[in-house]
Structures are given as C-alpha cells and as structure tokens.
Amino acid sequence: MSSSEVTKKRAVIILSGGLDSTTCMGLAKEAGYELYPLSFDYGQRHKIEIENAKQVAEHYGVSNHHKIIKLDFLRDFGGSALTDDTIEVPNVMDGAHPDAGESEIPVTYVPGRNLLFLSIATSYAEVTGSEAIYIGVNALDYSGYPDCRPAFIHKVEEVIALATKVGVEGKGITIETPLIDWTKAKIIEEGLKIGVPYELTTSCYNGKAEACGVCDSCRLRLKGFEEAGSKDPIPYLI
C-alpha cells in the first residue's frame, strides 16, 4: 500500500438516491474524500430510490464501497406516510403545502430515521477509518423535521465523541451537513457546477418510474430547478 493510499481521507455518505444526498456525494468528492456510500432499505414507499443510489455509486466509481442496510422494523412500526400504507402522501394539488413550518411536522417524517441512519453510519465510519459522515439534511426546506436541524446534528456529534473508540482517543468523526441552510435552488446550482448526475436521482415519495410531480418533495425539487434556471432531467407524470 502506497503512502498516498494510507493518508487518503475517507467519508461515509448517507446516500438515499435523492437530489440532496447525491449532491453531498459530489461535494465530498470535491473535498477530496474517498467515498463510502451507505443506503437504507427501511420499507419506504419510494423503494425505487435504492436503485438510484446504486446508479449514483456506480457513477462515482465506488460500487465496491456501497452498503445497503435493511431496516424492516421501520415499515413494521409505520407512523409515516413513507412507511405506512394507511397514511397517504400529501398532494399539493389538493391543498397540501410543500413548505413545512417550524411548528408543523409533516406526515412524511419517519420517526427516528436520521438518528438510526447516523448511528449505523458511525459504525461504518469507524470500520472504514472515515473521519466524516455526510448527510443531506436541510433545515430550510424541511424545517418541520426535527432530525434535520443543526441542534440535532450537534448533539449526535457529541454522542459520537463519547460512544466510539476514535472519539475517546481524540480523533473523532464529524457530521458534515453542507446543505443544511441552502435553498433547493442553491443546492442544484452548486451541484450542477461540479457535475452531480441529477438524471440518476429521484425525489418522488410515491416511488414510481416517473415522478408524480405533485407530492411536496417533487414540488420542492421542481421549484428548485426552476429558480436555478435549469430543467429537471428526470421524467414526470405531469
């Protein structure tokens, strides 16, 4: 093993196959990290995104590092429009608003999801010798999600420092949230600058081959591309 391979910095990327997490992949690559993508099959309605994540990992040449973790119990628990078939995904055409307010937690929130994801990502980071975990949380567009806020991220970093071997040895693992205060338009603009393959991503909560265009995630994505002055490269039903 060469000295460059020994000193190469590494990062775990929580990769859903969506626009935000794929932008994080691109940003981590630009920052010089060796990429270790981590995806989760948690019984989500939009399970098609896992196939997108595989394509993104292949695009960046790191399919050999890509892990897909099955978390069936989130589907068993339900409690979210993304994991419970008895709860419908809101349709903005029926009056649902795509922007969640501070005091309003959307039905698409999955209880404990990012807490679980970051815990598992921490384990993968220790095993791979990664010094960072990238996660595409955004407190601006989705401020109603409690696990997408800076305060949550800071507390998880504190726990990582206390609960890991690298943490108690003083090396640590940082949680990188480059998109946390960016608008969707800025995310897309920055991603386009570095060649993020948005044609390989999906954002639709309904999980069809063609995006629905009417769920809050689709509307935010479409609005972002419009404000960024670019055309969304994925197909839509409407």
C-alpha atoms as a PDB file:
ATOM      1  CA  MET A   1       0.000   0.000   0.000  1.00  0.00           C
ATOM      2  CA  SER A   2       1.385   3.400  -1.014  1.00  0.00           C
ATOM      3  CA  SER A   3       1.704   6.342   1.373  1.00  0.00           C
ATOM      4  CA  SER A   4      -0.978   8.224  -0.603  1.00  0.00           C
ATOM      5  CA  GLU A   5      -3.403   5.339  -0.017  1.00  0.00           C
ATOM      6  CA  VAL A   6      -2.582   5.314   3.675  1.00  0.00           C
ATOM      7  CA  THR A   7      -3.202   9.056   4.100  1.00  0.00           C
ATOM      8  CA  LYS A   8      -6.281   9.296   1.839  1.00  0.00           C
ATOM      9  CA  LYS A   9      -9.130  10.800   3.843  1.00  0.00           C
ATOM     10  CA  ARG A  10     -12.417   8.938   3.806  1.00  0.00           C
ATOM     11  CA  ALA A  11     -16.073   9.824   4.318  1.00  0.00           C
ATOM     12  CA  VAL A  12     -19.284   7.854   4.702  1.00  0.00           C
ATOM     13  CA  ILE A  13     -22.105   9.339   2.630  1.00  0.00           C
ATOM     14  CA  ILE A  14     -25.683   8.604   3.669  1.00  0.00           C
ATOM     15  CA  LEU A  15     -26.977   8.103   0.127  1.00  0.00           C
ATOM     16  CA  SER A  16     -30.701   7.813  -0.470  1.00  0.00           C
ATOM     17  CA  GLY A  17     -30.507   8.195  -4.241  1.00  0.00           C
ATOM     18  CA  GLY A  18     -32.233  11.569  -3.999  1.00  0.00           C
ATOM     19  CA  LEU A  19     -31.118  15.017  -5.076  1.00  0.00           C
ATOM     20  CA  ASP A  20     -29.729  16.197  -1.735  1.00  0.00           C
ATOM     21  CA  SER A  21     -27.732  13.108  -0.792  1.00  0.00           C
ATOM     22  CA  THR A  22     -26.297  12.832  -4.290  1.00  0.00           C
ATOM     23  CA  THR A  23     -25.195  16.457  -4.087  1.00  0.00           C
ATOM     24  CA  CYS A  24     -23.442  15.513  -0.843  1.00  0.00           C
ATOM     25  CA  MET A  25     -21.622  12.747  -2.733  1.00  0.00           C
ATOM     26  CA  GLY A  26     -20.405  15.285  -5.251  1.00  0.00           C
ATOM     27  CA  LEU A  27     -19.342  17.770  -2.581  1.00  0.00           C
ATOM     28  CA  ALA A  28     -17.480  15.098  -0.615  1.00  0.00           C
ATOM     29  CA  LYS A  29     -15.646  14.035  -3.756  1.00  0.00           C
ATOM     30  CA  GLU A  30     -14.741  17.667  -4.490  1.00  0.00           C
ATOM     31  CA  ALA A  31     -13.421  17.944  -0.931  1.00  0.00           C
ATOM     32  CA  GLY A  32     -11.018  15.101  -1.677  1.00  0.00           C
ATOM     33  CA  TYR A  33     -12.645  12.286   0.253  1.00  0.00           C
ATOM     34  CA  GLU A  34     -12.650   8.639  -0.708  1.00  0.00           C
ATOM     35  CA  LEU A  35     -16.373   7.834  -0.776  1.00  0.00           C
ATOM     36  CA  TYR A  36     -18.131   5.135   1.246  1.00  0.00           C
ATOM     37  CA  PRO A  37     -21.850   5.375   0.401  1.00  0.00           C
ATOM     38  CA  LEU A  38     -24.421   3.892   2.771  1.00  0.00           C
ATOM     39  CA  SER A  39     -28.065   3.391   1.791  1.00  0.00           C
ATOM     40  CA  PHE A  40     -31.061   2.111   3.735  1.00  0.00           C
ATOM     41  CA  ASP A  41     -33.945  -0.121   2.739  1.00  0.00           C
ATOM     42  CA  TYR A  42     -36.395   0.691   5.502  1.00  0.00           C
ATOM     43  CA  GLY A  43     -39.600  -0.343   3.769  1.00  0.00           C
ATOM     44  CA  GLN A  44     -40.071   3.083   2.250  1.00  0.00           C
ATOM     45  CA  ARG A  45     -42.882   3.606  -0.219  1.00  0.00           C
ATOM     46  CA  HIS A  46     -40.334   5.030  -2.667  1.00  0.00           C
ATOM     47  CA  LYS A  47     -38.046   1.980  -2.567  1.00  0.00           C
ATOM     48  CA  ILE A  48     -37.086   2.714  -6.167  1.00  0.00           C
ATOM     49  CA  GLU A  49     -34.607   5.236  -4.750  1.00  0.00           C
ATOM     50  CA  ILE A  50     -32.317   2.375  -3.721  1.00  0.00           C
ATOM     51  CA  GLU A  51     -31.779   1.534  -7.394  1.00  0.00           C
ATOM     52  CA  ASN A  52     -30.968   5.196  -7.976  1.00  0.00           C
ATOM     53  CA  ALA A  53     -28.445   5.078  -5.151  1.00  0.00           C
ATOM     54  CA  LYS A  54     -26.763   2.098  -6.821  1.00  0.00           C
ATOM     55  CA  GLN A  55     -26.506   4.054 -10.075  1.00  0.00           C
ATOM     56  CA  VAL A  56     -25.047   7.071  -8.283  1.00  0.00           C
ATOM     57  CA  ALA A  57     -22.448   4.894  -6.533  1.00  0.00           C
ATOM     58  CA  GLU A  58     -21.533   3.356  -9.897  1.00  0.00           C
ATOM     59  CA  HIS A  59     -21.262   6.826 -11.461  1.00  0.00           C
ATOM     60  CA  TYR A  60     -18.714   7.818  -8.824  1.00  0.00           C
ATOM     61  CA  GLY A  61     -16.859   4.519  -9.188  1.00  0.00           C
ATOM     62  CA  VAL A  62     -17.460   3.351  -5.619  1.00  0.00           C
ATOM     63  CA  SER A  63     -19.942   0.491  -6.012  1.00  0.00           C
ATOM     64  CA  ASN A  64     -17.470  -1.722  -4.164  1.00  0.00           C
ATOM     65  CA  HIS A  65     -17.788   0.524  -1.080  1.00  0.00           C
ATOM     66  CA  HIS A  66     -21.578   0.874  -1.274  1.00  0.00           C
ATOM     67  CA  LYS A  67     -23.513  -0.813   1.539  1.00  0.00           C
ATOM     68  CA  ILE A  68     -27.306  -1.232   1.618  1.00  0.00           C
ATOM     69  CA  ILE A  69     -28.710  -1.843   5.086  1.00  0.00           C
ATOM     70  CA  LYS A  70     -32.141  -3.383   5.606  1.00  0.00           C
ATOM     71  CA  LEU A  71     -34.241  -1.897   8.425  1.00  0.00           C
ATOM     72  CA  ASP A  72     -37.541  -3.747   8.102  1.00  0.00           C
ATOM     73  CA  PHE A  73     -38.798  -2.678  11.505  1.00  0.00           C
ATOM     74  CA  LEU A  74     -39.427   0.903  10.367  1.00  0.00           C
ATOM     75  CA  ARG A  75     -42.039  -0.499   7.992  1.00  0.00           C
ATOM     76  CA  ASP A  76     -43.451  -2.607  10.826  1.00  0.00           C
ATOM     77  CA  PHE A  77     -43.669   0.460  13.075  1.00  0.00           C
ATOM     78  CA  GLY A  78     -45.343   2.626  10.427  1.00  0.00           C
ATOM     79  CA  GLY A  79     -46.389   6.053  11.630  1.00  0.00           C
ATOM     80  CA  SER A  80     -45.256   7.850   8.465  1.00  0.00           C
ATOM     81  CA  ALA A  81     -46.700   8.336   5.004  1.00  0.00           C
ATOM     82  CA  LEU A  82     -43.445   6.877   3.701  1.00  0.00           C
ATOM     83  CA  THR A  83     -43.697   3.599   5.627  1.00  0.00           C
ATOM     84  CA  ASP A  84     -47.418   3.156   6.327  1.00  0.00           C
ATOM     85  CA  ASP A  85     -49.875   2.409   3.505  1.00  0.00           C
ATOM     86  CA  THR A  86     -52.770   3.682   5.627  1.00  0.00           C
ATOM     87  CA  ILE A  87     -51.322   7.223   5.544  1.00  0.00           C
ATOM     88  CA  GLU A  88     -51.449   8.981   2.186  1.00  0.00           C
ATOM     89  CA  VAL A  89     -48.612  11.068   0.799  1.00  0.00           C
ATOM     90  CA  PRO A  90     -49.858  14.680   0.698  1.00  0.00           C
ATOM     91  CA  ASN A  91     -50.720  16.005  -2.746  1.00  0.00           C
ATOM     92  CA  VAL A  92     -50.011  19.724  -3.152  1.00  0.00           C
ATOM     93  CA  MET A  93     -52.707  19.907  -5.820  1.00  0.00           C
ATOM     94  CA  ASP A  94     -55.212  19.012  -3.095  1.00  0.00           C
ATOM     95  CA  GLY A  95     -54.090  21.887  -0.901  1.00  0.00           C
ATOM     96  CA  ALA A  96     -51.067  20.372   0.855  1.00  0.00           C
ATOM     97  CA  HIS A  97     -48.306  22.967   1.157  1.00  0.00           C
ATOM     98  CA  PRO A  98     -44.768  21.975   0.114  1.00  0.00           C
ATOM     99  CA  ASP A  99     -43.068  24.073   2.799  1.00  0.00           C
ATOM    100  CA  ALA A 100     -43.322  22.783   6.361  1.00  0.00           C
ATOM    101  CA  GLY A 101     -43.485  25.350   9.137  1.00  0.00           C
ATOM    102  CA  GLU A 102     -41.448  25.358  12.339  1.00  0.00           C
ATOM    103  CA  SER A 103     -44.356  24.070  14.427  1.00  0.00           C
ATOM    104  CA  GLU A 104     -45.699  21.638  11.859  1.00  0.00           C
ATOM    105  CA  ILE A 105     -44.166  18.191  11.427  1.00  0.00           C
ATOM    106  CA  PRO A 106     -45.210  16.660   8.071  1.00  0.00           C
ATOM    107  CA  VAL A 107     -46.736  13.175   7.868  1.00  0.00           C
ATOM    108  CA  THR A 108     -43.739  12.242   5.698  1.00  0.00           C
ATOM    109  CA  TYR A 109     -41.491  12.475   8.774  1.00  0.00           C
ATOM    110  CA  VAL A 110     -40.225   8.973   9.653  1.00  0.00           C
ATOM    111  CA  PRO A 111     -39.828   8.657  13.452  1.00  0.00           C
ATOM    112  CA  GLY A 112     -36.187   8.254  14.440  1.00  0.00           C
ATOM    113  CA  ARG A 113     -34.940   7.770  10.882  1.00  0.00           C
ATOM    114  CA  ASN A 114     -31.927  10.080  10.865  1.00  0.00           C
ATOM    115  CA  LEU A 115     -30.986   9.060  14.408  1.00  0.00           C
ATOM    116  CA  LEU A 116     -30.822   5.448  13.240  1.00  0.00           C
ATOM    117  CA  PHE A 117     -29.046   6.313   9.999  1.00  0.00           C
ATOM    118  CA  LEU A 118     -26.356   8.333  11.759  1.00  0.00           C
ATOM    119  CA  SER A 119     -25.803   5.620  14.363  1.00  0.00           C
ATOM    120  CA  ILE A 120     -25.218   2.998  11.678  1.00  0.00           C
ATOM    121  CA  ALA A 121     -23.129   5.409   9.609  1.00  0.00           C
ATOM    122  CA  THR A 122     -20.939   5.970  12.668  1.00  0.00           C
ATOM    123  CA  SER A 123     -20.260   2.235  12.873  1.00  0.00           C
ATOM    124  CA  TYR A 124     -19.378   2.095   9.167  1.00  0.00           C
ATOM    125  CA  ALA A 125     -17.153   5.150   9.584  1.00  0.00           C
ATOM    126  CA  GLU A 126     -15.179   3.511  12.380  1.00  0.00           C
ATOM    127  CA  VAL A 127     -14.721   0.305  10.419  1.00  0.00           C
ATOM    128  CA  THR A 128     -13.593   2.107   7.249  1.00  0.00           C
ATOM    129  CA  GLY A 129     -11.426   4.646   9.044  1.00  0.00           C
ATOM    130  CA  SER A 130     -13.601   7.511   7.847  1.00  0.00           C
ATOM    131  CA  GLU A 131     -13.241  10.865   9.549  1.00  0.00           C
ATOM    132  CA  ALA A 132     -16.534  12.333   8.322  1.00  0.00           C
ATOM    133  CA  ILE A 133     -20.166  11.425   7.698  1.00  0.00           C
ATOM    134  CA  TYR A 134     -22.034  13.405   5.054  1.00  0.00           C
ATOM    135  CA  ILE A 135     -25.806  13.706   5.344  1.00  0.00           C
ATOM    136  CA  GLY A 136     -28.058  15.835   3.164  1.00  0.00           C
ATOM    137  CA  VAL A 137     -30.284  17.303   5.857  1.00  0.00           C
ATOM    138  CA  ASN A 138     -31.811  20.687   5.143  1.00  0.00           C
ATOM    139  CA  ALA A 139     -33.359  22.871   7.834  1.00  0.00           C
ATOM    140  CA  LEU A 140     -34.662  25.434   5.372  1.00  0.00           C
ATOM    141  CA  ASP A 141     -36.975  23.486   3.076  1.00  0.00           C
ATOM    142  CA  TYR A 142     -37.828  20.858   5.709  1.00  0.00           C
ATOM    143  CA  SER A 143     -37.692  22.803   8.962  1.00  0.00           C
ATOM    144  CA  GLY A 144     -40.615  20.757  10.224  1.00  0.00           C
ATOM    145  CA  TYR A 145     -38.422  17.661  10.515  1.00  0.00           C
ATOM    146  CA  PRO A 146     -36.852  17.626  13.983  1.00  0.00           C
ATOM    147  CA  ASP A 147     -33.974  15.407  12.827  1.00  0.00           C
ATOM    148  CA  CYS A 148     -32.875  17.851  10.116  1.00  0.00           C
ATOM    149  CA  ARG A 149     -31.965  20.711  12.431  1.00  0.00           C
ATOM    150  CA  PRO A 150     -28.490  21.891  13.486  1.00  0.00           C
ATOM    151  CA  ALA A 151     -29.203  21.296  17.186  1.00  0.00           C
ATOM    152  CA  PHE A 152     -29.878  17.615  16.486  1.00  0.00           C
ATOM    153  CA  ILE A 153     -26.710  17.221  14.418  1.00  0.00           C
ATOM    154  CA  HIS A 154     -24.563  18.864  17.120  1.00  0.00           C
ATOM    155  CA  LYS A 155     -25.933  16.554  19.817  1.00  0.00           C
ATOM    156  CA  VAL A 156     -25.279  13.445  17.716  1.00  0.00           C
ATOM    157  CA  GLU A 157     -21.690  14.607  17.183  1.00  0.00           C
ATOM    158  CA  GLU A 158     -21.315  14.888  20.973  1.00  0.00           C
ATOM    159  CA  VAL A 159     -22.616  11.341  21.399  1.00  0.00           C
ATOM    160  CA  ILE A 160     -20.238  10.028  18.712  1.00  0.00           C
ATOM    161  CA  ALA A 161     -17.315  11.573  20.601  1.00  0.00           C
ATOM    162  CA  LEU A 162     -18.379   9.742  23.762  1.00  0.00           C
ATOM    163  CA  ALA A 163     -19.513   6.425  22.290  1.00  0.00           C
ATOM    164  CA  THR A 164     -16.770   5.491  19.825  1.00  0.00           C
ATOM    165  CA  LYS A 165     -13.192   4.285  20.085  1.00  0.00           C
ATOM    166  CA  VAL A 166     -11.968   7.039  17.772  1.00  0.00           C
ATOM    167  CA  GLY A 167     -13.904   9.566  19.813  1.00  0.00           C
ATOM    168  CA  VAL A 168     -12.363   8.667  23.168  1.00  0.00           C
ATOM    169  CA  GLU A 169      -8.937   8.533  21.511  1.00  0.00           C
ATOM    170  CA  GLY A 170      -9.426  12.142  20.436  1.00  0.00           C
ATOM    171  CA  LYS A 171      -9.619  11.553  16.695  1.00  0.00           C
ATOM    172  CA  GLY A 172     -13.362  11.889  16.286  1.00  0.00           C
ATOM    173  CA  ILE A 173     -15.844  11.711  13.431  1.00  0.00           C
ATOM    174  CA  THR A 174     -17.510  14.867  12.173  1.00  0.00           C
ATOM    175  CA  ILE A 175     -21.002  15.079  10.694  1.00  0.00           C
ATOM    176  CA  GLU A 176     -20.883  17.208   7.565  1.00  0.00           C
ATOM    177  CA  THR A 177     -24.147  18.941   6.593  1.00  0.00           C
ATOM    178  CA  PRO A 178     -23.176  21.224   3.685  1.00  0.00           C
ATOM    179  CA  LEU A 179     -26.776  21.710   2.542  1.00  0.00           C
ATOM    180  CA  ILE A 180     -28.343  22.493   5.896  1.00  0.00           C
ATOM    181  CA  ASP A 181     -29.066  26.169   5.238  1.00  0.00           C
ATOM    182  CA  TRP A 182     -29.116  26.179   1.412  1.00  0.00           C
ATOM    183  CA  THR A 183     -32.249  26.715  -0.649  1.00  0.00           C
ATOM    184  CA  LYS A 184     -33.119  23.950  -3.084  1.00  0.00           C
ATOM    185  CA  ALA A 185     -32.098  26.286  -5.921  1.00  0.00           C
ATOM    186  CA  LYS A 186     -28.645  26.821  -4.395  1.00  0.00           C
ATOM    187  CA  ILE A 187     -28.215  23.081  -3.852  1.00  0.00           C
ATOM    188  CA  ILE A 188     -28.952  22.469  -7.524  1.00  0.00           C
ATOM    189  CA  GLU A 189     -26.772  25.368  -8.711  1.00  0.00           C
ATOM    190  CA  GLU A 190     -23.790  24.141  -6.696  1.00  0.00           C
ATOM    191  CA  GLY A 191     -24.392  20.555  -7.775  1.00  0.00           C
ATOM    192  CA  LEU A 192     -24.521  21.457 -11.455  1.00  0.00           C
ATOM    193  CA  LYS A 193     -21.192  23.274 -11.124  1.00  0.00           C
ATOM    194  CA  ILE A 194     -19.486  20.053 -10.050  1.00  0.00           C
ATOM    195  CA  GLY A 195     -21.335  17.708 -12.398  1.00  0.00           C
ATOM    196  CA  VAL A 196     -23.695  15.986  -9.949  1.00  0.00           C
ATOM    197  CA  PRO A 197     -25.681  13.417 -12.031  1.00  0.00           C
ATOM    198  CA  TYR A 198     -29.210  14.574 -11.226  1.00  0.00           C
ATOM    199  CA  GLU A 199     -30.527  12.437 -14.093  1.00  0.00           C
ATOM    200  CA  LEU A 200     -29.746   9.386 -11.920  1.00  0.00           C
ATOM    201  CA  THR A 201     -31.689  10.649  -8.890  1.00  0.00           C
ATOM    202  CA  THR A 202     -35.287  10.582  -7.730  1.00  0.00           C
ATOM    203  CA  SER A 203     -37.117  12.682  -5.152  1.00  0.00           C
ATOM    204  CA  CYS A 204     -40.698  11.430  -5.509  1.00  0.00           C
ATOM    205  CA  TYR A 205     -42.352   9.969  -2.419  1.00  0.00           C
ATOM    206  CA  ASN A 206     -44.713   7.802  -4.464  1.00  0.00           C
ATOM    207  CA  GLY A 207     -41.957   5.593  -5.847  1.00  0.00           C
ATOM    208  CA  LYS A 208     -42.972   5.205  -9.489  1.00  0.00           C
ATOM    209  CA  ALA A 209     -40.682   5.037 -12.522  1.00  0.00           C
ATOM    210  CA  GLU A 210     -41.895   8.534 -13.396  1.00  0.00           C
ATOM    211  CA  ALA A 211     -42.053  11.104 -10.604  1.00  0.00           C
ATOM    212  CA  CYS A 212     -45.583  12.171  -9.662  1.00  0.00           C
ATOM    213  CA  GLY A 213     -44.848  15.898  -9.705  1.00  0.00           C
ATOM    214  CA  VAL A 214     -47.457  16.631  -7.022  1.00  0.00           C
ATOM    215  CA  CYS A 215     -46.011  15.403  -3.711  1.00  0.00           C
ATOM    216  CA  ASP A 216     -44.229  18.005  -1.600  1.00  0.00           C
ATOM    217  CA  SER A 217     -40.803  16.549  -2.423  1.00  0.00           C
ATOM    218  CA  CYS A 218     -41.444  16.708  -6.180  1.00  0.00           C
ATOM    219  CA  ARG A 219     -42.780  20.258  -5.945  1.00  0.00           C
ATOM    220  CA  LEU A 220     -39.762  21.464  -3.969  1.00  0.00           C
ATOM    221  CA  ARG A 221     -37.447  19.815  -6.481  1.00  0.00           C
ATOM    222  CA  LEU A 222     -39.236  21.309  -9.485  1.00  0.00           C
ATOM    223  CA  LYS A 223     -39.333  24.726  -7.834  1.00  0.00           C
ATOM    224  CA  GLY A 224     -35.600  24.458  -7.141  1.00  0.00           C
ATOM    225  CA  PHE A 225     -34.721  23.665 -10.744  1.00  0.00           C
ATOM    226  CA  GLU A 226     -36.938  26.487 -11.965  1.00  0.00           C
ATOM    227  CA  GLU A 227     -35.313  29.003  -9.612  1.00  0.00           C
ATOM    228  CA  ALA A 228     -31.868  27.687 -10.581  1.00  0.00           C
ATOM    229  CA  GLY A 229     -32.737  28.375 -14.238  1.00  0.00           C
ATOM    230  CA  SER A 230     -32.326  24.739 -15.233  1.00  0.00           C
ATOM    231  CA  LYS A 231     -34.544  21.893 -16.405  1.00  0.00           C
ATOM    232  CA  ASP A 232     -35.008  18.852 -14.202  1.00  0.00           C
ATOM    233  CA  PRO A 233     -33.606  15.904 -16.212  1.00  0.00           C
ATOM    234  CA  ILE A 234     -35.890  13.207 -14.753  1.00  0.00           C
ATOM    235  CA  PRO A 235     -39.325  12.258 -16.219  1.00  0.00           C
ATOM    236  CA  TYR A 236     -42.591  13.322 -14.565  1.00  0.00           C
ATOM    237  CA  LEU A 237     -46.135  12.067 -14.940  1.00  0.00           C
ATOM    238  CA  ILE A 238     -47.441  15.636 -15.271  1.00  0.00           C
END
